[in-house]
Amino acid sequence: MAETSNGRFESIGRKMDEHFGVCSDKLEDDVKRVITYLNEKVVPEVRENSSKALRIAADQLARLADHIERTRRA
């Protein structure tokens, strides 16, 4: 009886290994695709938009500095 149980457990274990092995391969491929997408699409857009935001902030700060200087003179 113990030998039969061990055989069933080994069989189930092999089936699970096969199933999870295939899943891990698919998961690895999906992760690679996500990383590629982030590197090619998201990162460049964030860099572009963040530089635009910095330029806008710099312009607003320059305007604020001009305003402060004008109010001091008045």
Protein backbone atom coordinates (compact mmCIF):
# COMPACT_ATOMS: atom_id res chain seq x y z
CA MET A 1 0.00 0.00 0.00
CA ALA A 2 2.82 2.43 0.85
CA GLU A 3 4.53 1.70 -2.47
CA THR A 4 1.32 2.44 -4.37
CA SER A 5 0.91 5.75 -2.53
CA ASN A 6 4.52 6.72 -3.28
CA GLY A 7 3.96 5.94 -6.96
CA ARG A 8 0.88 8.18 -7.05
CA PHE A 9 2.68 11.01 -5.30
CA GLU A 10 5.63 10.74 -7.66
CA SER A 11 3.29 10.74 -10.63
CA ILE A 12 1.45 13.78 -9.33
CA GLY A 13 4.77 15.45 -8.58
CA ARG A 14 6.01 14.87 -12.14
CA LYS A 15 2.77 16.23 -13.60
CA MET A 16 3.02 19.32 -11.41
CA ASP A 17 6.65 19.83 -12.41
CA GLU A 18 5.73 19.62 -16.08
CA HIS A 19 2.80 22.00 -15.66
CA PHE A 20 4.68 24.57 -13.59
CA GLY A 21 7.73 24.28 -15.83
CA VAL A 22 5.62 25.35 -18.81
CA CYS A 23 4.02 28.12 -16.74
CA SER A 24 7.37 29.44 -15.61
CA ASP A 25 8.60 29.56 -19.21
CA LYS A 26 5.51 31.53 -20.24
CA LEU A 27 5.86 33.80 -17.24
CA GLU A 28 9.51 34.46 -18.05
CA ASP A 29 8.57 35.38 -21.63
CA ASP A 30 5.83 37.72 -20.38
CA VAL A 31 8.23 39.43 -17.98
CA LYS A 32 10.74 39.94 -20.81
CA ARG A 33 7.98 41.49 -22.95
CA VAL A 34 6.94 43.84 -20.15
CA ILE A 35 10.53 44.94 -19.57
CA THR A 36 11.01 45.57 -23.28
CA TYR A 37 7.79 47.60 -23.42
CA LEU A 38 8.82 49.68 -20.41
CA ASN A 39 12.29 50.33 -21.84
CA GLU A 40 11.09 51.17 -25.35
CA LYS A 41 7.81 53.02 -24.70
CA VAL A 42 7.41 54.16 -21.12
CA VAL A 43 10.91 55.30 -20.14
CA PRO A 44 11.43 57.57 -23.18
CA GLU A 45 8.02 59.18 -22.65
CA VAL A 46 8.70 59.78 -18.97
CA ARG A 47 12.05 61.32 -19.82
CA GLU A 48 10.50 63.58 -22.43
CA ASN A 49 7.61 64.67 -20.24
CA SER A 50 9.77 65.20 -17.18
CA SER A 51 12.11 67.49 -19.12
CA LYS A 52 9.09 69.45 -20.35
CA ALA A 53 7.82 69.72 -16.78
CA LEU A 54 11.21 70.99 -15.62
CA ARG A 55 11.25 73.62 -18.36
CA ILE A 56 7.75 74.79 -17.40
CA ALA A 57 8.73 74.90 -13.72
CA ALA A 58 11.88 76.87 -14.58
CA ASP A 59 9.81 79.35 -16.58
CA GLN A 60 7.33 79.77 -13.73
CA LEU A 61 10.15 80.27 -11.22
CA ALA A 62 11.72 82.92 -13.46
CA ARG A 63 8.37 84.71 -13.63
CA LEU A 64 8.04 84.51 -9.85
CA ALA A 65 11.54 85.95 -9.40
CA ASP A 66 10.68 88.80 -11.79
CA HIS A 67 7.48 89.49 -9.86
CA ILE A 68 9.31 89.55 -6.52
CA GLU A 69 11.91 91.95 -7.91
CA ARG A 70 9.21 94.26 -9.29
CA THR A 71 7.30 94.33 -6.00
CA ARG A 72 10.49 95.14 -4.05
CA ARG A 73 11.18 98.14 -6.28
CA ALA A 74 7.68 99.51 -5.92
